[in-house]
Amino acid sequence: MKQTSEKRMQTLKSLMEAKTASKQSSANTNEPAPSEKQVAPPGNNVRMIAFSGSKQSGVIEHSTDLSKPIAIFHKLISKEISNAAKTLRIEEEELQAWVDLQIEVPPKTILSLLRTVQDCVLDPFKEEIGFTQYEDGHWQVQITIEGWMHLLNQHPQFNGMTFTQGEVGNNAVPEWMECSIYRKDRIFPMTVREYFQEVKTEQPIWQKMPRRMLRHRALQQCARLAMGI
């Protein structure tokens, strides 16, 4: 019995050792997953990425040279300056000088303004169109109140407008303002209501003239919908 017990113990020990060796052998045969590491770029406009830890390795180049798209934008801007100057019937050099003064505005936004000038015949020298920058730094083309009135008065179907305001709050500003625009080819007017709490900003003009700015915002939004501008 004692010999049989010892044989069983030896057999069990051998099986355990064989199982452990099999696990270690299996783990060693697994190749580690490819890892990505940065390699010092050879130039200022190329980022090199090398993949190691596997049988195959390669290098991927990502070009970050922005000179070509910037050159394309400037070429397009020059073209649109010429077209916009003809639309406004002004000298091309005059409009070019105005554009050159917009040093902080991205080329993409300048290009958008020049095309809007042609589509809507709005004059930046009359402050009918310009740029605005939001708190997050984003630039956008802005049609001013003068521009919106120009568009309305030039529209063949424009037939007048009216304003209605809500109750005045504790800050002496109406809670909302409505604008109704009438068209000659419509039975009912287009009416848009804007709420002060939703449209107010921290810009100084809103702090100084909140009622006027609320009225302007209602007019702008109503004009967009009524005239499809």
Protein backbone atom coordinates (compact mmCIF):
# COMPACT_ATOMS: atom_id res chain seq x y z
CA MET A 1 0.00 0.00 0.00
CA LYS A 2 2.81 2.35 0.87
CA GLN A 3 4.56 1.70 -2.45
CA THR A 4 1.29 2.21 -4.34
CA SER A 5 0.70 5.52 -2.57
CA GLU A 6 4.20 6.72 -3.38
CA LYS A 7 3.76 5.79 -7.06
CA ARG A 8 0.50 7.72 -7.20
CA MET A 9 2.20 10.78 -5.68
CA GLN A 10 5.04 10.57 -8.18
CA THR A 11 2.60 10.22 -11.09
CA LEU A 12 0.54 13.19 -9.90
CA LYS A 13 3.70 15.28 -9.49
CA SER A 14 4.83 14.40 -13.01
CA LEU A 15 1.46 15.38 -14.46
CA MET A 16 1.54 18.74 -12.67
CA GLU A 17 5.06 19.49 -13.89
CA ALA A 18 4.09 18.58 -17.47
CA LYS A 19 1.03 20.84 -17.31
CA THR A 20 3.08 23.77 -16.01
CA ALA A 21 5.70 23.31 -18.72
CA SER A 22 2.99 23.23 -21.39
CA LYS A 23 1.56 26.60 -20.20
CA GLN A 24 5.00 28.23 -20.23
CA SER A 25 5.73 26.91 -23.72
CA SER A 26 2.39 28.23 -25.00
CA ALA A 27 2.98 31.67 -23.51
CA ASN A 28 6.43 31.92 -25.04
CA THR A 29 5.14 31.17 -28.54
CA ASN A 30 2.71 34.12 -28.51
CA GLU A 31 4.19 37.17 -30.20
CA PRO A 32 3.66 40.51 -28.50
CA ALA A 33 1.22 42.89 -30.16
CA PRO A 34 2.80 45.52 -32.38
CA SER A 35 3.58 48.68 -30.50
CA GLU A 36 3.68 52.15 -31.93
CA LYS A 37 6.55 54.38 -31.09
CA GLN A 38 7.47 57.81 -32.30
CA VAL A 39 10.64 58.23 -34.29
CA ALA A 40 12.31 61.61 -34.48
CA PRO A 41 11.18 63.18 -37.75
CA PRO A 42 13.86 63.95 -40.31
CA GLY A 43 12.16 67.24 -41.22
CA ASN A 44 9.71 69.79 -39.91
CA ASN A 45 6.79 68.67 -42.05
CA VAL A 46 6.90 64.88 -41.76
CA ARG A 47 5.88 62.67 -38.85
CA MET A 48 7.46 59.21 -38.84
CA ILE A 49 5.79 56.23 -37.12
CA ALA A 50 7.59 52.89 -36.75
CA PHE A 51 5.90 49.60 -35.82
CA SER A 52 8.05 47.10 -33.94
CA GLY A 53 7.59 43.88 -31.99
CA SER A 54 6.55 41.73 -34.93
CA LYS A 55 8.18 40.01 -37.84
CA GLN A 56 7.18 42.86 -40.16
CA SER A 57 7.92 46.50 -39.55
CA GLY A 58 7.17 49.54 -41.62
CA VAL A 59 7.25 53.32 -41.68
CA ILE A 60 4.24 55.55 -42.37
CA GLU A 61 4.73 59.15 -43.39
CA HIS A 62 2.08 61.79 -42.67
CA SER A 63 2.67 65.07 -44.45
CA THR A 64 1.62 68.17 -42.51
CA ASP A 65 2.86 70.67 -45.07
CA LEU A 66 0.12 73.33 -45.34
CA SER A 67 1.83 75.49 -47.93
CA LYS A 68 -0.09 73.95 -50.86
CA PRO A 69 -3.67 74.37 -49.50
CA ILE A 70 -2.85 77.88 -48.25
CA ALA A 71 -1.54 78.79 -51.71
CA ILE A 72 -4.76 77.45 -53.26
CA PHE A 73 -6.88 79.55 -50.88
CA HIS A 74 -4.93 82.70 -51.71
CA LYS A 75 -5.34 82.00 -55.42
CA LEU A 76 -9.09 81.59 -54.97
CA ILE A 77 -9.27 84.76 -52.88
CA SER A 78 -7.53 86.76 -55.61
CA LYS A 79 -10.03 85.44 -58.14
CA GLU A 80 -13.05 86.25 -55.94
CA ILE A 81 -11.71 89.74 -55.16
CA SER A 82 -11.77 90.48 -58.88
CA ASN A 83 -15.31 89.12 -59.26
CA ALA A 84 -16.62 90.84 -56.12
CA ALA A 85 -15.13 94.18 -57.19
CA LYS A 86 -17.02 93.93 -60.49
CA THR A 87 -20.23 93.11 -58.62
CA LEU A 88 -19.85 96.17 -56.38
CA ARG A 89 -18.55 98.32 -59.25
CA ILE A 90 -15.47 99.39 -57.34
CA GLU A 91 -11.76 99.21 -58.03
CA GLU A 92 -10.17 95.83 -57.46
CA GLU A 93 -7.26 97.45 -55.60
CA GLU A 94 -9.72 99.06 -53.19
CA LEU A 95 -11.29 95.74 -52.24
CA GLN A 96 -7.87 94.09 -52.09
CA ALA A 97 -6.74 96.72 -49.58
CA TRP A 98 -9.80 96.02 -47.42
CA VAL A 99 -9.11 92.30 -47.48
CA ASP A 100 -5.44 92.85 -46.60
CA LEU A 101 -6.53 94.65 -43.42
CA GLN A 102 -8.36 91.51 -42.18
CA ILE A 103 -5.12 90.01 -40.91
CA GLU A 104 -6.70 87.92 -38.15
CA VAL A 105 -9.47 86.37 -40.26
CA PRO A 106 -8.80 82.87 -41.69
CA PRO A 107 -8.55 82.64 -45.51
CA LYS A 108 -11.52 80.26 -45.62
CA THR A 109 -13.79 82.84 -43.95
CA ILE A 110 -12.53 85.63 -46.23
CA LEU A 111 -13.33 83.47 -49.24
CA SER A 112 -16.83 82.86 -47.89
CA LEU A 113 -17.42 86.60 -47.44
CA LEU A 114 -16.31 87.43 -50.98
CA ARG A 115 -18.71 84.87 -52.41
CA THR A 116 -21.56 86.13 -50.20
CA VAL A 117 -20.82 89.66 -51.45
CA GLN A 118 -21.43 88.44 -55.00
CA ASP A 119 -24.51 86.37 -54.18
CA CYS A 120 -26.28 89.08 -52.13
CA VAL A 121 -24.61 92.23 -53.53
CA LEU A 122 -23.59 93.46 -50.07
CA ASP A 123 -20.94 96.16 -49.66
CA PRO A 124 -18.40 95.79 -46.83
CA PHE A 125 -17.49 99.48 -47.17
CA LYS A 126 -21.08 100.37 -46.27
CA GLU A 127 -20.86 97.94 -43.33
CA GLU A 128 -23.52 95.71 -44.83
CA ILE A 129 -21.36 92.65 -44.32
CA GLY A 130 -18.33 91.82 -42.20
CA PHE A 131 -16.87 89.30 -39.79
CA THR A 132 -17.62 88.26 -36.25
CA GLN A 133 -15.53 86.15 -33.87
CA TYR A 134 -17.12 83.97 -31.21
CA GLU A 135 -15.80 83.28 -27.73
CA ASP A 136 -14.28 79.97 -28.86
CA GLY A 137 -12.21 81.82 -31.48
CA HIS A 138 -14.35 80.71 -34.43
CA TRP A 139 -14.77 83.30 -37.22
CA GLN A 140 -17.93 83.66 -39.28
CA VAL A 141 -19.30 85.95 -41.97
CA GLN A 142 -21.90 88.33 -40.53
CA ILE A 143 -24.59 90.24 -42.40
CA THR A 144 -25.23 93.39 -40.39
CA ILE A 145 -28.63 94.98 -39.75
CA GLU A 146 -27.83 97.41 -42.59
CA GLY A 147 -27.21 94.43 -44.84
CA TRP A 148 -30.47 92.73 -43.89
CA MET A 149 -32.45 95.91 -44.53
CA HIS A 150 -30.73 96.27 -47.90
CA LEU A 151 -31.72 92.73 -48.81
CA LEU A 152 -35.31 93.23 -47.69
CA ASN A 153 -35.79 96.53 -49.48
CA GLN A 154 -34.31 95.11 -52.67
CA HIS A 155 -36.54 92.04 -52.60
CA PRO A 156 -39.43 92.39 -55.09
CA GLN A 157 -41.93 90.63 -52.76
CA PHE A 158 -41.16 92.60 -49.57
CA ASN A 159 -44.33 94.31 -48.31
CA GLY A 160 -43.41 95.68 -44.88
CA MET A 161 -42.86 94.40 -41.35
CA THR A 162 -44.15 94.82 -37.78
CA PHE A 163 -42.70 94.16 -34.32
CA THR A 164 -44.39 92.91 -31.14
CA GLN A 165 -42.75 92.52 -27.75
CA GLY A 166 -43.52 90.53 -24.62
CA GLU A 167 -43.74 91.64 -21.01
CA VAL A 168 -40.86 93.67 -19.65
CA GLY A 169 -38.87 91.85 -17.00
CA ASN A 170 -37.00 93.10 -13.95
CA ASN A 171 -34.07 94.08 -16.15
CA ALA A 172 -36.32 96.46 -18.14
CA VAL A 173 -35.91 94.24 -21.24
CA PRO A 174 -38.82 92.44 -22.96
CA GLU A 175 -38.83 88.70 -22.42
CA TRP A 176 -39.27 88.19 -26.16
CA MET A 177 -39.59 90.10 -29.41
CA GLU A 178 -41.55 89.09 -32.51
CA CYS A 179 -40.98 90.22 -36.07
CA SER A 180 -43.60 89.76 -38.79
CA ILE A 181 -42.62 90.22 -42.43
CA TYR A 182 -45.26 90.56 -45.14
CA ARG A 183 -44.84 89.42 -48.71
CA LYS A 184 -46.88 90.50 -51.71
CA ASP A 185 -47.27 86.91 -52.86
CA ARG A 186 -48.41 85.50 -49.48
CA ILE A 187 -51.68 85.74 -47.57
CA PHE A 188 -50.21 85.43 -44.08
CA PRO A 189 -46.99 87.02 -42.80
CA MET A 190 -43.97 85.13 -41.56
CA THR A 191 -43.62 85.67 -37.79
CA VAL A 192 -40.56 84.78 -35.73
CA ARG A 193 -40.21 85.17 -31.95
CA GLU A 194 -36.80 85.43 -30.26
CA TYR A 195 -36.33 85.18 -26.49
CA PHE A 196 -33.87 87.50 -24.78
CA GLN A 197 -32.50 84.82 -22.46
CA GLU A 198 -31.69 82.58 -25.43
CA VAL A 199 -30.01 85.07 -27.74
CA LYS A 200 -28.23 87.55 -25.46
CA THR A 201 -24.43 87.54 -25.38
CA GLU A 202 -21.73 89.10 -23.24
CA GLN A 203 -20.71 91.52 -25.96
CA PRO A 204 -20.68 95.19 -24.86
CA ILE A 205 -23.33 96.15 -27.42
CA TRP A 206 -25.78 93.73 -25.79
CA GLN A 207 -25.09 95.25 -22.39
CA LYS A 208 -25.54 98.80 -23.69
CA MET A 209 -28.55 98.34 -26.01
CA PRO A 210 -30.25 95.02 -25.18
CA ARG A 211 -33.70 95.98 -26.54
CA ARG A 212 -32.32 97.12 -29.89
CA MET A 213 -30.18 94.00 -30.23
CA LEU A 214 -33.15 91.77 -29.43
CA ARG A 215 -35.17 93.54 -32.13
CA HIS A 216 -32.31 93.12 -34.61
CA ARG A 217 -32.04 89.43 -33.85
CA ALA A 218 -35.77 88.90 -34.41
CA LEU A 219 -35.58 90.79 -37.72
CA GLN A 220 -32.57 88.81 -38.94
CA GLN A 221 -34.11 85.42 -38.22
CA CYS A 222 -37.47 86.41 -39.69
CA ALA A 223 -35.85 87.74 -42.87
CA ARG A 224 -33.94 84.47 -43.34
CA LEU A 225 -37.17 82.47 -43.25
CA ALA A 226 -39.53 84.90 -45.00
CA MET A 227 -37.24 85.69 -47.94
CA GLY A 228 -35.18 82.52 -48.07
CA ILE A 229 -31.95 84.45 -47.57
